Amino acid sequence: MTKHLDQAALDLANHTSASTAAQATQETATAVSPAPTFQATAPDPFDPAQFAASSTVLGGIGVTKEMVTCPVRKPNKQEFVRVHPGAEYQLRAHILELREERETYLVMPAVAAALPGETRTVNLRLTVSRQGAVFLWPVSEPSLDGRETGWGASARAAAVSAETKWVRIIANMPQGAYDVHSAPGALGTPIWPDKPLRDILAVAFGESFIIRDAGHPVVKRLLGLA
């Protein structure tokens, strides 16, 4: 009986020893086995997509363009322009232009009435060129009696067309009007200043180029009073 017990104990010890050795071998193998690695694909430094330009007129990452100037002028013959379609960016007003000085003044209606023939009625339209230049285009309005020139009528037609597409105007002297040319290609979407018309007028004219009363030096000069 004792002999059988001793043999059973020996078998159990051998089995336990074998199991422990197998487990140790497995743990050792696990410890020394290298972890799988995954090699990332490096980005192509010459991938054309990363160099593709935006189709918009202006734009920058984290950059805000401040409006410090806003000329009052018509588009020149070499630039394509767009006109803001919103009524909130239009102002029917009187302006006075000193040709030699190349100065344009915004005139109060009461003062304009006292200066017949010196001012003209225009619709100031917010305009941007293909190069991103922002300006106010003084588009001529018909006179109070309804008379107008071919220049004024064609300029108004061009401004309306420029509300939806890029256009260029070129003076046709024999015709006495502007020829309007639409851009054949997609020139992108115009970027407008994030300012109300009140602020744009302040930049375009400032207090120095607004005639509020008959005491303004320009009015006195035109009336021969100074």
Protein backbone atom coordinates (compact mmCIF):
# COMPACT_ATOMS: atom_id res chain seq x y z
CA MET A 1 0.00 0.00 0.00
CA THR A 2 2.81 2.38 0.91
CA LYS A 3 4.57 1.48 -2.33
CA HIS A 4 1.53 2.52 -4.38
CA LEU A 5 1.22 5.83 -2.51
CA ASP A 6 4.87 6.63 -3.08
CA GLN A 7 4.50 5.92 -6.81
CA ALA A 8 1.42 8.17 -7.06
CA ALA A 9 3.20 11.01 -5.27
CA LEU A 10 6.16 10.63 -7.62
CA ASP A 11 3.88 10.75 -10.68
CA LEU A 12 2.15 13.87 -9.36
CA ALA A 13 5.47 15.57 -8.70
CA ASN A 14 6.72 14.75 -12.20
CA HIS A 15 3.46 16.08 -13.75
CA THR A 16 3.63 19.30 -11.72
CA SER A 17 7.27 19.81 -12.65
CA ALA A 18 6.51 19.30 -16.35
CA SER A 19 3.58 21.73 -16.26
CA THR A 20 5.67 24.36 -14.47
CA ALA A 21 8.49 23.98 -17.00
CA ALA A 22 6.06 24.28 -19.93
CA GLN A 23 4.49 27.40 -18.44
CA ALA A 24 7.93 28.96 -17.83
CA THR A 25 8.95 28.17 -21.39
CA GLN A 26 5.76 29.80 -22.73
CA GLU A 27 6.25 32.93 -20.58
CA THR A 28 9.87 33.20 -21.70
CA ALA A 29 8.85 32.92 -25.32
CA THR A 30 6.19 35.56 -24.81
CA ALA A 31 8.64 37.90 -23.12
CA VAL A 32 11.27 37.69 -25.84
CA SER A 33 8.93 37.71 -28.86
CA PRO A 34 9.16 41.13 -30.58
CA ALA A 35 5.96 43.16 -30.91
CA PRO A 36 4.60 43.50 -34.43
CA THR A 37 5.56 46.77 -36.12
CA PHE A 38 3.62 48.81 -38.69
CA GLN A 39 5.55 51.09 -41.03
CA ALA A 40 3.69 54.33 -41.80
CA THR A 41 3.74 55.59 -45.36
CA ALA A 42 5.50 58.96 -45.53
CA PRO A 43 3.54 61.72 -47.32
CA ASP A 44 4.67 62.53 -50.82
CA PRO A 45 6.53 65.86 -50.54
CA PHE A 46 5.70 66.65 -54.15
CA ASP A 47 2.02 65.70 -54.14
CA PRO A 48 0.41 68.31 -56.43
CA ALA A 49 -2.71 68.48 -54.25
CA GLN A 50 -0.84 70.17 -51.41
CA PHE A 51 0.24 73.00 -53.69
CA ALA A 52 -3.14 73.62 -55.37
CA ALA A 53 -4.24 77.26 -55.03
CA SER A 54 -7.67 78.25 -53.80
CA SER A 55 -10.10 79.49 -56.43
CA THR A 56 -11.17 82.45 -54.30
CA VAL A 57 -9.91 85.96 -54.83
CA LEU A 58 -8.41 86.38 -51.39
CA GLY A 59 -7.87 84.35 -48.28
CA GLY A 60 -5.38 83.42 -45.60
CA ILE A 61 -5.08 81.13 -42.64
CA GLY A 62 -5.76 83.16 -39.54
CA VAL A 63 -5.24 86.42 -41.44
CA THR A 64 -7.76 89.26 -41.51
CA LYS A 65 -7.25 91.96 -44.11
CA GLU A 66 -7.95 95.41 -42.71
CA MET A 67 -9.59 97.99 -44.96
CA VAL A 68 -7.44 101.12 -44.82
CA THR A 69 -8.30 102.61 -48.22
CA CYS A 70 -11.33 102.52 -50.48
CA PRO A 71 -10.98 104.60 -53.64
CA VAL A 72 -14.01 106.10 -55.34
CA ARG A 73 -13.54 105.33 -59.02
CA LYS A 74 -14.80 103.41 -62.00
CA PRO A 75 -13.17 100.12 -63.05
CA ASN A 76 -10.25 100.48 -65.40
CA LYS A 77 -10.32 98.78 -68.78
CA GLN A 78 -7.85 96.07 -67.80
CA GLU A 79 -9.56 94.66 -64.72
CA PHE A 80 -12.44 92.25 -64.25
CA VAL A 81 -14.74 93.24 -61.42
CA ARG A 82 -17.72 92.08 -59.39
CA VAL A 83 -20.37 94.32 -57.81
CA HIS A 84 -22.04 93.50 -54.51
CA PRO A 85 -25.70 92.64 -55.24
CA GLY A 86 -27.07 93.67 -51.85
CA ALA A 87 -29.19 96.81 -51.55
CA GLU A 88 -27.44 97.50 -48.22
CA TYR A 89 -24.24 98.18 -50.17
CA GLN A 90 -25.72 100.77 -52.52
CA LEU A 91 -26.15 104.49 -51.94
CA ARG A 92 -27.79 106.91 -54.33
CA ALA A 93 -26.00 110.17 -53.54
CA HIS A 94 -24.49 113.38 -54.87
CA ILE A 95 -20.78 113.67 -55.53
CA LEU A 96 -18.56 116.53 -56.61
CA GLU A 97 -15.44 115.76 -58.61
CA LEU A 98 -12.45 118.09 -58.90
CA ARG A 99 -10.85 116.78 -62.07
CA GLU A 100 -7.49 118.51 -61.79
CA GLU A 101 -7.00 117.49 -58.17
CA ARG A 102 -8.50 114.05 -58.80
CA GLU A 103 -10.61 114.42 -55.68
CA THR A 104 -14.15 113.18 -55.12
CA TYR A 105 -16.42 114.62 -52.43
CA LEU A 106 -19.65 113.24 -51.00
CA VAL A 107 -22.14 116.12 -50.91
CA MET A 108 -25.17 116.61 -48.69
CA PRO A 109 -28.37 116.97 -50.75
CA ALA A 110 -29.08 120.53 -49.54
CA VAL A 111 -25.62 121.67 -50.60
CA ALA A 112 -25.90 119.91 -53.97
CA ALA A 113 -29.09 121.86 -54.66
CA ALA A 114 -27.12 125.10 -54.21
CA LEU A 115 -24.45 123.96 -56.69
CA PRO A 116 -26.33 123.34 -59.96
CA GLY A 117 -24.14 121.79 -62.58
CA GLU A 118 -21.30 121.08 -60.16
CA THR A 119 -22.44 117.78 -58.73
CA ARG A 120 -23.84 114.63 -60.25
CA THR A 121 -26.12 111.95 -58.90
CA VAL A 122 -24.63 108.48 -58.72
CA ASN A 123 -25.26 105.10 -57.19
CA LEU A 124 -22.22 104.19 -55.11
CA ARG A 125 -21.72 100.46 -55.66
CA LEU A 126 -19.34 98.33 -53.62
CA THR A 127 -16.99 96.70 -56.13
CA VAL A 128 -14.02 94.34 -56.01
CA SER A 129 -11.48 93.57 -58.72
CA ARG A 130 -10.08 90.18 -59.63
CA GLN A 131 -6.92 91.15 -57.72
CA GLY A 132 -8.94 91.88 -54.58
CA ALA A 133 -8.94 95.68 -54.77
CA VAL A 134 -12.08 97.05 -53.09
CA PHE A 135 -13.54 100.37 -54.22
CA LEU A 136 -16.79 102.31 -54.60
CA TRP A 137 -17.93 102.62 -58.19
CA PRO A 138 -19.93 105.83 -58.73
CA VAL A 139 -22.40 104.62 -61.35
CA SER A 140 -24.18 107.55 -62.96
CA GLU A 141 -27.92 107.90 -62.43
CA PRO A 142 -30.35 109.59 -64.84
CA SER A 143 -30.96 113.29 -64.22
CA LEU A 144 -34.16 114.45 -62.54
CA ASP A 145 -35.77 115.05 -65.94
CA GLY A 146 -34.90 111.50 -67.01
CA ARG A 147 -32.14 112.42 -69.42
CA GLU A 148 -28.99 110.33 -69.48
CA THR A 149 -26.03 109.51 -71.69
CA GLY A 150 -24.99 106.27 -73.27
CA TRP A 151 -22.10 106.21 -70.84
CA GLY A 152 -24.38 106.23 -67.82
CA ALA A 153 -26.84 103.68 -69.20
CA SER A 154 -24.11 101.24 -70.23
CA ALA A 155 -22.31 101.65 -66.89
CA ARG A 156 -25.50 100.77 -65.02
CA ALA A 157 -26.03 97.74 -67.25
CA ALA A 158 -22.43 96.66 -66.58
CA ALA A 159 -22.88 97.03 -62.82
CA VAL A 160 -26.02 94.88 -62.88
CA SER A 161 -24.23 92.24 -64.93
CA ALA A 162 -21.29 92.30 -62.50
CA GLU A 163 -23.60 91.31 -59.65
CA THR A 164 -23.50 87.72 -60.89
CA LYS A 165 -20.34 87.43 -63.03
CA TRP A 166 -16.93 88.93 -63.60
CA VAL A 167 -17.02 91.69 -66.19
CA ARG A 168 -14.68 94.22 -67.75
CA ILE A 169 -15.78 97.54 -69.25
CA ILE A 170 -14.02 99.25 -72.13
CA ALA A 171 -14.91 102.67 -73.47
CA ASN A 172 -16.25 102.62 -77.02
CA MET A 173 -15.68 106.23 -78.07
CA PRO A 174 -17.49 106.12 -81.43
CA GLN A 175 -20.49 104.51 -79.73
CA GLY A 176 -20.43 106.88 -76.76
CA ALA A 177 -20.87 103.99 -74.33
CA TYR A 178 -19.05 101.19 -72.55
CA ASP A 179 -18.62 97.76 -74.06
CA VAL A 180 -19.15 95.07 -71.42
CA HIS A 181 -17.09 91.88 -71.59
CA SER A 182 -17.78 88.83 -69.43
CA ALA A 183 -14.89 86.64 -68.27
CA PRO A 184 -14.91 83.34 -70.21
CA GLY A 185 -13.34 81.39 -67.34
CA ALA A 186 -14.27 80.68 -63.73
CA LEU A 187 -12.48 83.39 -61.77
CA GLY A 188 -13.68 82.32 -58.35
CA THR A 189 -15.89 83.89 -55.72
CA PRO A 190 -15.28 87.50 -54.65
CA ILE A 191 -14.47 88.16 -51.01
CA TRP A 192 -16.22 91.21 -49.62
CA PRO A 193 -15.13 93.35 -46.67
CA ASP A 194 -16.85 92.42 -43.42
CA LYS A 195 -18.02 95.98 -42.79
CA PRO A 196 -21.31 97.84 -43.11
CA LEU A 197 -21.66 100.57 -45.73
CA ARG A 198 -21.38 103.22 -43.01
CA ASP A 199 -17.82 102.07 -42.19
CA ILE A 200 -16.89 101.80 -45.85
CA LEU A 201 -18.03 105.38 -46.47
CA ALA A 202 -15.92 106.50 -43.53
CA VAL A 203 -12.85 104.89 -45.09
CA ALA A 204 -13.62 106.08 -48.62
CA PHE A 205 -14.35 109.73 -47.82
CA GLY A 206 -13.50 110.47 -44.23
CA GLU A 207 -14.61 113.81 -42.85
CA SER A 208 -12.21 115.64 -45.16
CA PHE A 209 -14.07 114.62 -48.31
CA ILE A 210 -17.65 115.19 -47.17
CA ILE A 211 -19.29 118.54 -47.91
CA ARG A 212 -21.91 119.10 -45.24
CA ASP A 213 -22.65 122.82 -45.67
CA ALA A 214 -21.99 125.86 -47.85
CA GLY A 215 -19.09 126.88 -45.62
CA HIS A 216 -16.87 124.13 -46.97
CA PRO A 217 -13.72 125.54 -48.66
CA VAL A 218 -14.51 123.76 -51.94
CA VAL A 219 -17.98 125.32 -52.09
CA LYS A 220 -16.59 128.80 -51.37
CA ARG A 221 -14.04 128.34 -54.13
CA LEU A 222 -16.65 127.24 -56.66
CA LEU A 223 -18.90 130.19 -55.76
CA GLY A 224 -16.02 132.64 -55.96
CA LEU A 225 -16.15 133.43 -52.26
CA ALA A 226 -12.61 132.34 -51.45
